[in-house]
Amino acid sequence: MLVVTRFRVPAEGAPGFRLDLDRARQALSERPGYLDGTVGRNVDDPDLWVLTTRWEHVGAYRRALSSYDVKLHAVPVLGRALDEPSAYEVVEPGTVLNEGSARSLG
């Protein structure tokens, strides 16, 4: 599972935000099921930031969000995210997509 969380942060807030985002990524990385993650900034629009994480499955990600350390260090930052869907299925050859779920029928 891939989670892409985007943020819009004015230039004057970028240094502090970067530290907060790194702390959030670190808290998430300590949870079971976390595979990897990166922090990035858009090359054309430097006010646009992204936190991308990969998880073994959606359950691992959802459980991670309920842990105390993640609530303390990541949830306040994640609450600043742009209001858009962020969880994605990884599509590779042979992948059976979750097309029949109530969420995807939308």
PDB file of N, CA and C in Angstrom:
ATOM      1  N   MET A   1       0.835  -1.163   0.000  1.00  0.00           N
ATOM      2  CA  MET A   1       0.000   0.000   0.000  1.00  0.00           C
ATOM      3  C   MET A   1       0.884   1.232   0.000  1.00  0.00           C
ATOM      4  N   LEU A   2       0.471   2.228  -0.720  1.00  0.00           N
ATOM      5  CA  LEU A   2       1.212   3.474  -0.873  1.00  0.00           C
ATOM      6  C   LEU A   2       0.365   4.612  -0.327  1.00  0.00           C
ATOM      7  N   VAL A   3       0.972   5.459   0.494  1.00  0.00           N
ATOM      8  CA  VAL A   3       0.273   6.623   1.030  1.00  0.00           C
ATOM      9  C   VAL A   3       1.020   7.877   0.568  1.00  0.00           C
ATOM     10  N   VAL A   4       0.312   8.750  -0.142  1.00  0.00           N
ATOM     11  CA  VAL A   4       0.877   9.987  -0.661  1.00  0.00           C
ATOM     12  C   VAL A   4       0.114  11.139  -0.014  1.00  0.00           C
ATOM     13  N   THR A   5       0.799  11.854   0.872  1.00  0.00           N
ATOM     14  CA  THR A   5       0.166  12.937   1.619  1.00  0.00           C
ATOM     15  C   THR A   5       0.850  14.241   1.240  1.00  0.00           C
ATOM     16  N   ARG A   6       0.057  15.172   0.679  1.00  0.00           N
ATOM     17  CA  ARG A   6       0.623  16.440   0.199  1.00  0.00           C
ATOM     18  C   ARG A   6       0.241  17.581   1.134  1.00  0.00           C
ATOM     19  N   PHE A   7       1.117  18.578   1.170  1.00  0.00           N
ATOM     20  CA  PHE A   7       0.957  19.737   2.046  1.00  0.00           C
ATOM     21  C   PHE A   7       1.315  21.004   1.280  1.00  0.00           C
ATOM     22  N   ARG A   8       0.631  22.096   1.608  1.00  0.00           N
ATOM     23  CA  ARG A   8       1.021  23.403   1.073  1.00  0.00           C
ATOM     24  C   ARG A   8       1.516  24.223   2.258  1.00  0.00           C
ATOM     25  N   VAL A   9       2.800  24.629   2.185  1.00  0.00           N
ATOM     26  CA  VAL A   9       3.446  25.333   3.282  1.00  0.00           C
ATOM     27  C   VAL A   9       4.156  26.565   2.729  1.00  0.00           C
ATOM     28  N   PRO A  10       3.810  27.776   3.198  1.00  0.00           N
ATOM     29  CA  PRO A  10       4.492  28.977   2.740  1.00  0.00           C
ATOM     30  C   PRO A  10       5.991  28.919   3.056  1.00  0.00           C
ATOM     31  N   ALA A  11       6.790  29.578   2.254  1.00  0.00           N
ATOM     32  CA  ALA A  11       8.252  29.534   2.375  1.00  0.00           C
ATOM     33  C   ALA A  11       8.734  29.852   3.784  1.00  0.00           C
ATOM     34  N   GLU A  12       8.110  30.812   4.444  1.00  0.00           N
ATOM     35  CA  GLU A  12       8.572  31.190   5.782  1.00  0.00           C
ATOM     36  C   GLU A  12       8.351  30.090   6.815  1.00  0.00           C
ATOM     37  N   GLY A  13       7.439  29.179   6.560  1.00  0.00           N
ATOM     38  CA  GLY A  13       7.189  28.080   7.487  1.00  0.00           C
ATOM     39  C   GLY A  13       7.926  26.796   7.135  1.00  0.00           C
ATOM     40  N   ALA A  14       8.639  26.800   6.008  1.00  0.00           N
ATOM     41  CA  ALA A  14       9.267  25.575   5.506  1.00  0.00           C
ATOM     42  C   ALA A  14      10.302  24.956   6.446  1.00  0.00           C
ATOM     43  N   PRO A  15      11.217  25.733   7.040  1.00  0.00           N
ATOM     44  CA  PRO A  15      12.233  25.083   7.895  1.00  0.00           C
ATOM     45  C   PRO A  15      11.624  24.313   9.074  1.00  0.00           C
ATOM     46  N   GLY A  16      10.683  24.905   9.776  1.00  0.00           N
ATOM     47  CA  GLY A  16      10.039  24.220  10.892  1.00  0.00           C
ATOM     48  C   GLY A  16       9.179  23.063  10.430  1.00  0.00           C
ATOM     49  N   PHE A  17       8.489  23.247   9.299  1.00  0.00           N
ATOM     50  CA  PHE A  17       7.645  22.183   8.767  1.00  0.00           C
ATOM     51  C   PHE A  17       8.480  20.968   8.383  1.00  0.00           C
ATOM     52  N   ARG A  18       9.635  21.223   7.778  1.00  0.00           N
ATOM     53  CA  ARG A  18      10.498  20.108   7.374  1.00  0.00           C
ATOM     54  C   ARG A  18      10.897  19.266   8.590  1.00  0.00           C
ATOM     55  N   LEU A  19      11.240  19.913   9.672  1.00  0.00           N
ATOM     56  CA  LEU A  19      11.585  19.178  10.898  1.00  0.00           C
ATOM     57  C   LEU A  19      10.391  18.377  11.409  1.00  0.00           C
ATOM     58  N   ASP A  20       9.217  19.007  11.416  1.00  0.00           N
ATOM     59  CA  ASP A  20       8.000  18.322  11.874  1.00  0.00           C
ATOM     60  C   ASP A  20       7.678  17.119  10.980  1.00  0.00           C
ATOM     61  N   LEU A  21       7.851  17.298   9.672  1.00  0.00           N
ATOM     62  CA  LEU A  21       7.547  16.223   8.731  1.00  0.00           C
ATOM     63  C   LEU A  21       8.540  15.072   8.881  1.00  0.00           C
ATOM     64  N   ASP A  22       9.801  15.393   9.106  1.00  0.00           N
ATOM     65  CA  ASP A  22      10.798  14.342   9.366  1.00  0.00           C
ATOM     66  C   ASP A  22      10.466  13.577  10.644  1.00  0.00           C
ATOM     67  N   ARG A  23      10.031  14.293  11.673  1.00  0.00           N
ATOM     68  CA  ARG A  23       9.648  13.661  12.937  1.00  0.00           C
ATOM     69  C   ARG A  23       8.432  12.754  12.730  1.00  0.00           C
ATOM     70  N   ALA A  24       7.478  13.210  11.925  1.00  0.00           N
ATOM     71  CA  ALA A  24       6.297  12.396  11.624  1.00  0.00           C
ATOM     72  C   ALA A  24       6.702  11.123  10.878  1.00  0.00           C
ATOM     73  N   ARG A  25       7.570  11.250   9.881  1.00  0.00           N
ATOM     74  CA  ARG A  25       8.025  10.086   9.134  1.00  0.00           C
ATOM     75  C   ARG A  25       8.751   9.108  10.052  1.00  0.00           C
ATOM     76  N   GLN A  26       9.556   9.625  10.958  1.00  0.00           N
ATOM     77  CA  GLN A  26      10.274   8.771  11.902  1.00  0.00           C
ATOM     78  C   GLN A  26       9.297   8.005  12.798  1.00  0.00           C
ATOM     79  N   ALA A  27       8.284   8.686  13.305  1.00  0.00           N
ATOM     80  CA  ALA A  27       7.292   8.020  14.157  1.00  0.00           C
ATOM     81  C   ALA A  27       6.574   6.912  13.386  1.00  0.00           C
ATOM     82  N   LEU A  28       6.208   7.185  12.150  1.00  0.00           N
ATOM     83  CA  LEU A  28       5.545   6.173  11.330  1.00  0.00           C
ATOM     84  C   LEU A  28       6.478   4.999  11.050  1.00  0.00           C
ATOM     85  N   SER A  29       7.755   5.296  10.826  1.00  0.00           N
ATOM     86  CA  SER A  29       8.714   4.244  10.454  1.00  0.00           C
ATOM     87  C   SER A  29       8.930   3.221  11.558  1.00  0.00           C
ATOM     88  N   GLU A  30       8.592   3.566  12.769  1.00  0.00           N
ATOM     89  CA  GLU A  30       8.780   2.657  13.901  1.00  0.00           C
ATOM     90  C   GLU A  30       7.605   1.705  14.105  1.00  0.00           C
ATOM     91  N   ARG A  31       6.584   1.827  13.279  1.00  0.00           N
ATOM     92  CA  ARG A  31       5.394   0.994  13.426  1.00  0.00           C
ATOM     93  C   ARG A  31       5.504  -0.279  12.594  1.00  0.00           C
ATOM     94  N   PRO A  32       4.927  -1.390  13.093  1.00  0.00           N
ATOM     95  CA  PRO A  32       4.930  -2.644  12.331  1.00  0.00           C
ATOM     96  C   PRO A  32       4.231  -2.448  10.978  1.00  0.00           C
ATOM     97  N   GLY A  33       4.791  -3.046   9.946  1.00  0.00           N
ATOM     98  CA  GLY A  33       4.198  -2.975   8.610  1.00  0.00           C
ATOM     99  C   GLY A  33       4.721  -1.849   7.751  1.00  0.00           C
ATOM    100  N   TYR A  34       5.490  -0.925   8.340  1.00  0.00           N
ATOM    101  CA  TYR A  34       6.088   0.175   7.576  1.00  0.00           C
ATOM    102  C   TYR A  34       7.212  -0.398   6.717  1.00  0.00           C
ATOM    103  N   LEU A  35       7.238  -0.039   5.442  1.00  0.00           N
ATOM    104  CA  LEU A  35       8.291  -0.516   4.545  1.00  0.00           C
ATOM    105  C   LEU A  35       9.328   0.567   4.268  1.00  0.00           C
ATOM    106  N   ASP A  36       8.885   1.748   3.876  1.00  0.00           N
ATOM    107  CA  ASP A  36       9.805   2.873   3.671  1.00  0.00           C
ATOM    108  C   ASP A  36       9.010   4.154   3.477  1.00  0.00           C
ATOM    109  N   GLY A  37       9.727   5.262   3.467  1.00  0.00           N
ATOM    110  CA  GLY A  37       9.063   6.543   3.296  1.00  0.00           C
ATOM    111  C   GLY A  37      10.047   7.626   2.913  1.00  0.00           C
ATOM    112  N   THR A  38       9.532   8.655   2.259  1.00  0.00           N
ATOM    113  CA  THR A  38      10.362   9.783   1.849  1.00  0.00           C
ATOM    114  C   THR A  38       9.601  11.086   2.043  1.00  0.00           C
ATOM    115  N   VAL A  39      10.369  12.131   2.231  1.00  0.00           N
ATOM    116  CA  VAL A  39       9.849  13.491   2.284  1.00  0.00           C
ATOM    117  C   VAL A  39      10.350  14.193   1.030  1.00  0.00           C
ATOM    118  N   GLY A  40       9.473  14.944   0.376  1.00  0.00           N
ATOM    119  CA  GLY A  40       9.889  15.652  -0.830  1.00  0.00           C
ATOM    120  C   GLY A  40       9.261  17.024  -0.928  1.00  0.00           C
ATOM    121  N   ARG A  41       9.855  17.841  -1.781  1.00  0.00           N
ATOM    122  CA  ARG A  41       9.328  19.178  -2.064  1.00  0.00           C
ATOM    123  C   ARG A  41       9.261  19.344  -3.573  1.00  0.00           C
ATOM    124  N   ASN A  42       8.198  19.925  -4.059  1.00  0.00           N
ATOM    125  CA  ASN A  42       7.968  20.071  -5.487  1.00  0.00           C
ATOM    126  C   ASN A  42       9.012  20.997  -6.104  1.00  0.00           C
ATOM    127  N   VAL A  43       9.571  20.587  -7.242  1.00  0.00           N
ATOM    128  CA  VAL A  43      10.621  21.384  -7.876  1.00  0.00           C
ATOM    129  C   VAL A  43      10.086  22.636  -8.565  1.00  0.00           C
ATOM    130  N   ASP A  44       8.822  22.644  -8.961  1.00  0.00           N
ATOM    131  CA  ASP A  44       8.242  23.799  -9.643  1.00  0.00           C
ATOM    132  C   ASP A  44       7.457  24.713  -8.708  1.00  0.00           C
ATOM    133  N   ASP A  45       6.983  24.167  -7.611  1.00  0.00           N
ATOM    134  CA  ASP A  45       6.194  24.920  -6.637  1.00  0.00           C
ATOM    135  C   ASP A  45       6.727  24.587  -5.245  1.00  0.00           C
ATOM    136  N   PRO A  46       7.740  25.323  -4.759  1.00  0.00           N
ATOM    137  CA  PRO A  46       8.400  24.968  -3.504  1.00  0.00           C
ATOM    138  C   PRO A  46       7.503  25.039  -2.264  1.00  0.00           C
ATOM    139  N   ASP A  47       6.302  25.562  -2.380  1.00  0.00           N
ATOM    140  CA  ASP A  47       5.370  25.554  -1.252  1.00  0.00           C
ATOM    141  C   ASP A  47       4.654  24.204  -1.116  1.00  0.00           C
ATOM    142  N   LEU A  48       4.819  23.321  -2.098  1.00  0.00           N
ATOM    143  CA  LEU A  48       4.140  22.032  -2.108  1.00  0.00           C
ATOM    144  C   LEU A  48       5.107  20.939  -1.642  1.00  0.00           C
ATOM    145  N   TRP A  49       4.739  20.264  -0.563  1.00  0.00           N
ATOM    146  CA  TRP A  49       5.538  19.202   0.062  1.00  0.00           C
ATOM    147  C   TRP A  49       4.780  17.894  -0.014  1.00  0.00           C
ATOM    148  N   VAL A  50       5.501  16.772   0.127  1.00  0.00           N
ATOM    149  CA  VAL A  50       4.866  15.455   0.103  1.00  0.00           C
ATOM    150  C   VAL A  50       5.561  14.525   1.097  1.00  0.00           C
ATOM    151  N   LEU A  51       4.762  13.702   1.741  1.00  0.00           N
ATOM    152  CA  LEU A  51       5.253  12.581   2.542  1.00  0.00           C
ATOM    153  C   LEU A  51       4.702  11.337   1.869  1.00  0.00           C
ATOM    154  N   THR A  52       5.590  10.474   1.409  1.00  0.00           N
ATOM    155  CA  THR A  52       5.189   9.238   0.759  1.00  0.00           C
ATOM    156  C   THR A  52       5.673   8.076   1.613  1.00  0.00           C
ATOM    157  N   THR A  53       4.756   7.179   1.978  1.00  0.00           N
ATOM    158  CA  THR A  53       5.126   6.001   2.755  1.00  0.00           C
ATOM    159  C   THR A  53       4.563   4.752   2.087  1.00  0.00           C
ATOM    160  N   ARG A  54       5.257   3.643   2.295  1.00  0.00           N
ATOM    161  CA  ARG A  54       4.788   2.345   1.798  1.00  0.00           C
ATOM    162  C   ARG A  54       4.590   1.415   2.979  1.00  0.00           C
ATOM    163  N   TRP A  55       3.515   0.629   2.915  1.00  0.00           N
ATOM    164  CA  TRP A  55       3.102  -0.256   4.002  1.00  0.00           C
ATOM    165  C   TRP A  55       2.826  -1.644   3.458  1.00  0.00           C
ATOM    166  N   GLU A  56       2.957  -2.646   4.335  1.00  0.00           N
ATOM    167  CA  GLU A  56       2.658  -4.023   3.936  1.00  0.00           C
ATOM    168  C   GLU A  56       1.212  -4.163   3.470  1.00  0.00           C
ATOM    169  N   HIS A  57       0.294  -3.486   4.172  1.00  0.00           N
ATOM    170  CA  HIS A  57      -1.132  -3.539   3.816  1.00  0.00           C
ATOM    171  C   HIS A  57      -1.843  -2.391   4.529  1.00  0.00           C
ATOM    172  N   VAL A  58      -3.078  -2.156   4.142  1.00  0.00           N
ATOM    173  CA  VAL A  58      -3.843  -1.033   4.675  1.00  0.00           C
ATOM    174  C   VAL A  58      -4.045  -1.151   6.183  1.00  0.00           C
ATOM    175  N   GLY A  59      -4.194  -2.366   6.689  1.00  0.00           N
ATOM    176  CA  GLY A  59      -4.384  -2.550   8.125  1.00  0.00           C
ATOM    177  C   GLY A  59      -3.195  -2.061   8.931  1.00  0.00           C
ATOM    178  N   ALA A  60      -1.981  -2.312   8.427  1.00  0.00           N
ATOM    179  CA  ALA A  60      -0.773  -1.857   9.130  1.00  0.00           C
ATOM    180  C   ALA A  60      -0.757  -0.337   9.207  1.00  0.00           C
ATOM    181  N   TYR A  61      -1.139   0.315   8.118  1.00  0.00           N
ATOM    182  CA  TYR A  61      -1.167   1.781   8.105  1.00  0.00           C
ATOM    183  C   TYR A  61      -2.214   2.308   9.086  1.00  0.00           C
ATOM    184  N   ARG A  62      -3.379   1.745   9.043  1.00  0.00           N
ATOM    185  CA  ARG A  62      -4.447   2.212   9.938  1.00  0.00           C
ATOM    186  C   ARG A  62      -4.102   1.986  11.403  1.00  0.00           C
ATOM    187  N   ARG A  63      -3.494   0.844  11.713  1.00  0.00           N
ATOM    188  CA  ARG A  63      -3.064   0.597  13.093  1.00  0.00           C
ATOM    189  C   ARG A  63      -1.965   1.577  13.503  1.00  0.00           C
ATOM    190  N   ALA A  64      -1.072   1.895  12.586  1.00  0.00           N
ATOM    191  CA  ALA A  64       0.002   2.844  12.895  1.00  0.00           C
ATOM    192  C   ALA A  64      -0.576   4.189  13.310  1.00  0.00           C
ATOM    193  N   LEU A  65      -1.627   4.632  12.646  1.00  0.00           N
ATOM    194  CA  LEU A  65      -2.222   5.930  12.959  1.00  0.00           C
ATOM    195  C   LEU A  65      -2.817   5.986  14.361  1.00  0.00           C
ATOM    196  N   SER A  66      -3.108   4.817  14.941  1.00  0.00           N
ATOM    197  CA  SER A  66      -3.710   4.813  16.268  1.00  0.00           C
ATOM    198  C   SER A  66      -2.684   4.663  17.394  1.00  0.00           C
ATOM    199  N   SER A  67      -1.403   4.532  17.051  1.00  0.00           N
ATOM    200  CA  SER A  67      -0.385   4.378  18.101  1.00  0.00           C
ATOM    201  C   SER A  67      -0.130   5.726  18.789  1.00  0.00           C
ATOM    202  N   TYR A  68       0.266   5.648  20.048  1.00  0.00           N
ATOM    203  CA  TYR A  68       0.488   6.865  20.843  1.00  0.00           C
ATOM    204  C   TYR A  68       1.546   7.770  20.224  1.00  0.00           C
ATOM    205  N   ASP A  69       2.708   7.215  19.852  1.00  0.00           N
ATOM    206  CA  ASP A  69       3.785   8.040  19.296  1.00  0.00           C
ATOM    207  C   ASP A  69       3.382   8.706  17.984  1.00  0.00           C
ATOM    208  N   VAL A  70       2.637   7.988  17.157  1.00  0.00           N
ATOM    209  CA  VAL A  70       2.177   8.574  15.893  1.00  0.00           C
ATOM    210  C   VAL A  70       1.158   9.676  16.165  1.00  0.00           C
ATOM    211  N   LYS A  71       0.262   9.446  17.120  1.00  0.00           N
ATOM    212  CA  LYS A  71      -0.703  10.498  17.476  1.00  0.00           C
ATOM    213  C   LYS A  71       0.014  11.739  17.996  1.00  0.00           C
ATOM    214  N   LEU A  72       1.099  11.529  18.707  1.00  0.00           N
ATOM    215  CA  LEU A  72       1.851  12.634  19.292  1.00  0.00           C
ATOM    216  C   LEU A  72       2.696  13.377  18.259  1.00  0.00           C
ATOM    217  N   HIS A  73       3.391  12.645  17.381  1.00  0.00           N
ATOM    218  CA  HIS A  73       4.367  13.262  16.481  1.00  0.00           C
ATOM    219  C   HIS A  73       3.930  13.387  15.024  1.00  0.00           C
ATOM    220  N   ALA A  74       3.015  12.551  14.574  1.00  0.00           N
ATOM    221  CA  ALA A  74       2.646  12.569  13.163  1.00  0.00           C
ATOM    222  C   ALA A  74       1.260  13.142  12.894  1.00  0.00           C
ATOM    223  N   VAL A  75       0.290  12.792  13.708  1.00  0.00           N
ATOM    224  CA  VAL A  75      -1.082  13.218  13.433  1.00  0.00           C
ATOM    225  C   VAL A  75      -1.225  14.747  13.358  1.00  0.00           C
ATOM    226  N   PRO A  76      -0.568  15.522  14.238  1.00  0.00           N
ATOM    227  CA  PRO A  76      -0.682  16.980  14.097  1.00  0.00           C
ATOM    228  C   PRO A  76      -0.178  17.487  12.740  1.00  0.00           C
ATOM    229  N   VAL A  77       0.870  16.871  12.226  1.00  0.00           N
ATOM    230  CA  VAL A  77       1.407  17.256  10.912  1.00  0.00           C
ATOM    231  C   VAL A  77       0.471  16.760   9.814  1.00  0.00           C
ATOM    232  N   LEU A  78       0.036  15.514   9.908  1.00  0.00           N
ATOM    233  CA  LEU A  78      -0.851  14.956   8.892  1.00  0.00           C
ATOM    234  C   LEU A  78      -2.166  15.728   8.813  1.00  0.00           C
ATOM    235  N   GLY A  79      -2.566  16.324   9.917  1.00  0.00           N
ATOM    236  CA  GLY A  79      -3.775  17.141   9.936  1.00  0.00           C
ATOM    237  C   GLY A  79      -3.669  18.398   9.088  1.00  0.00           C
ATOM    238  N   ARG A  80      -2.461  18.756   8.694  1.00  0.00           N
ATOM    239  CA  ARG A  80      -2.237  19.932   7.835  1.00  0.00           C
ATOM    240  C   ARG A  80      -2.255  19.581   6.351  1.00  0.00           C
ATOM    241  N   ALA A  81      -2.480  18.314   6.034  1.00  0.00           N
ATOM    242  CA  ALA A  81      -2.434  17.839   4.647  1.00  0.00           C
ATOM    243  C   ALA A  81      -3.559  18.444   3.811  1.00  0.00           C
ATOM    244  N   LEU A  82      -3.313  18.493   2.511  1.00  0.00           N
ATOM    245  CA  LEU A  82      -4.363  18.895   1.578  1.00  0.00           C
ATOM    246  C   LEU A  82      -5.494  17.877   1.676  1.00  0.00           C
ATOM    247  N   ASP A  83      -6.719  18.346   1.523  1.00  0.00           N
ATOM    248  CA  ASP A  83      -7.889  17.480   1.634  1.00  0.00           C
ATOM    249  C   ASP A  83      -8.087  16.729   0.324  1.00  0.00           C
ATOM    250  N   GLU A  84      -7.461  15.564   0.238  1.00  0.00           N
ATOM    251  CA  GLU A  84      -7.554  14.724  -0.951  1.00  0.00           C
ATOM    252  C   GLU A  84      -7.251  13.285  -0.543  1.00  0.00           C
ATOM    253  N   PRO A  85      -7.715  12.306  -1.321  1.00  0.00           N
ATOM    254  CA  PRO A  85      -7.412  10.919  -1.003  1.00  0.00           C
ATOM    255  C   PRO A  85      -5.900  10.692  -0.990  1.00  0.00           C
ATOM    256  N   SER A  86      -5.430   9.839  -0.073  1.00  0.00           N
ATOM    257  CA  SER A  86      -3.979   9.655   0.038  1.00  0.00           C
ATOM    258  C   SER A  86      -3.541   8.190  -0.009  1.00  0.00           C
ATOM    259  N   ALA A  87      -4.444   7.238   0.149  1.00  0.00           N
ATOM    260  CA  ALA A  87      -4.067   5.826   0.183  1.00  0.00           C
ATOM    261  C   ALA A  87      -4.310   5.187  -1.184  1.00  0.00           C
ATOM    262  N   TYR A  88      -3.295   4.466  -1.673  1.00  0.00           N
ATOM    263  CA  TYR A  88      -3.348   3.856  -3.001  1.00  0.00           C
ATOM    264  C   TYR A  88      -2.935   2.394  -2.943  1.00  0.00           C
ATOM    265  N   GLU A  89      -3.584   1.590  -3.762  1.00  0.00           N
ATOM    266  CA  GLU A  89      -3.125   0.226  -3.983  1.00  0.00           C
ATOM    267  C   GLU A  89      -1.935   0.299  -4.928  1.00  0.00           C
ATOM    268  N   VAL A  90      -0.944  -0.536  -4.700  1.00  0.00           N
ATOM    269  CA  VAL A  90       0.180  -0.631  -5.624  1.00  0.00           C
ATOM    270  C   VAL A  90      -0.250  -1.548  -6.759  1.00  0.00           C
ATOM    271  N   VAL A  91      -0.129  -1.063  -7.995  1.00  0.00           N
ATOM    272  CA  VAL A  91      -0.564  -1.814  -9.167  1.00  0.00           C
ATOM    273  C   VAL A  91       0.679  -2.284  -9.926  1.00  0.00           C
ATOM    274  N   GLU A  92       0.870  -3.571  -9.900  1.00  0.00           N
ATOM    275  CA  GLU A  92       1.968  -4.193 -10.621  1.00  0.00           C
ATOM    276  C   GLU A  92       1.389  -5.318 -11.463  1.00  0.00           C
ATOM    277  N   PRO A  93       2.155  -5.830 -12.421  1.00  0.00           N
ATOM    278  CA  PRO A  93       1.627  -6.939 -13.227  1.00  0.00           C
ATOM    279  C   PRO A  93       1.103  -8.065 -12.340  1.00  0.00           C
ATOM    280  N   GLY A  94      -0.095  -8.517 -12.651  1.00  0.00           N
ATOM    281  CA  GLY A  94      -0.707  -9.608 -11.903  1.00  0.00           C
ATOM    282  C   GLY A  94      -1.478  -9.174 -10.670  1.00  0.00           C
ATOM    283  N   THR A  95      -1.483  -7.886 -10.351  1.00  0.00           N
ATOM    284  CA  THR A  95      -2.194  -7.404  -9.177  1.00  0.00           C
ATOM    285  C   THR A  95      -3.700  -7.526  -9.372  1.00  0.00           C
ATOM    286  N   VAL A  96      -4.369  -8.051  -8.372  1.00  0.00           N
ATOM    287  CA  VAL A  96      -5.830  -8.080  -8.366  1.00  0.00           C
ATOM    288  C   VAL A  96      -6.278  -6.826  -7.639  1.00  0.00           C
ATOM    289  N   LEU A  97      -6.927  -5.931  -8.363  1.00  0.00           N
ATOM    290  CA  LEU A  97      -7.342  -4.663  -7.772  1.00  0.00           C
ATOM    291  C   LEU A  97      -8.565  -4.846  -6.891  1.00  0.00           C
ATOM    292  N   ASN A  98      -8.711  -3.959  -5.947  1.00  0.00           N
ATOM    293  CA  ASN A  98      -9.811  -3.973  -4.996  1.00  0.00           C
ATOM    294  C   ASN A  98     -11.038  -3.301  -5.604  1.00  0.00           C
ATOM    295  N   GLU A  99     -11.408  -3.693  -6.803  1.00  0.00           N
ATOM    296  CA  GLU A  99     -12.485  -3.037  -7.549  1.00  0.00           C
ATOM    297  C   GLU A  99     -13.869  -3.299  -6.991  1.00  0.00           C
ATOM    298  N   GLY A 100     -14.064  -4.361  -6.271  1.00  0.00           N
ATOM    299  CA  GLY A 100     -15.378  -4.710  -5.777  1.00  0.00           C
ATOM    300  C   GLY A 100     -15.749  -4.117  -4.443  1.00  0.00           C
ATOM    301  N   SER A 101     -14.855  -3.351  -3.824  1.00  0.00           N
ATOM    302  CA  SER A 101     -15.156  -2.821  -2.510  1.00  0.00           C
ATOM    303  C   SER A 101     -16.161  -1.685  -2.584  1.00  0.00           C
ATOM    304  N   ALA A 102     -16.873  -1.487  -1.495  1.00  0.00           N
ATOM    305  CA  ALA A 102     -17.848  -0.399  -1.435  1.00  0.00           C
ATOM    306  C   ALA A 102     -17.166   0.946  -1.609  1.00  0.00           C
ATOM    307  N   ARG A 103     -15.934   1.096  -1.111  1.00  0.00           N
ATOM    308  CA  ARG A 103     -15.209   2.366  -1.233  1.00  0.00           C
ATOM    309  C   ARG A 103     -14.933   2.708  -2.684  1.00  0.00           C
ATOM    310  N   SER A 104     -14.580   1.714  -3.504  1.00  0.00           N
ATOM    311  CA  SER A 104     -14.223   2.004  -4.883  1.00  0.00           C
ATOM    312  C   SER A 104     -15.445   2.217  -5.761  1.00  0.00           C
ATOM    313  N   LEU A 105     -16.629   1.855  -5.274  1.00  0.00           N
ATOM    314  CA  LEU A 105     -17.842   2.049  -6.074  1.00  0.00           C
ATOM    315  C   LEU A 105     -18.421   3.438  -5.889  1.00  0.00           C
ATOM    316  N   GLY A 106     -17.921   4.149  -4.930  1.00  0.00           N
ATOM    317  CA  GLY A 106     -18.227   5.402  -4.614  1.00  0.00           C
ATOM    318  C   GLY A 106     -19.036   6.435  -4.711  1.00  0.00           C
TER     319      GLY A 106
END
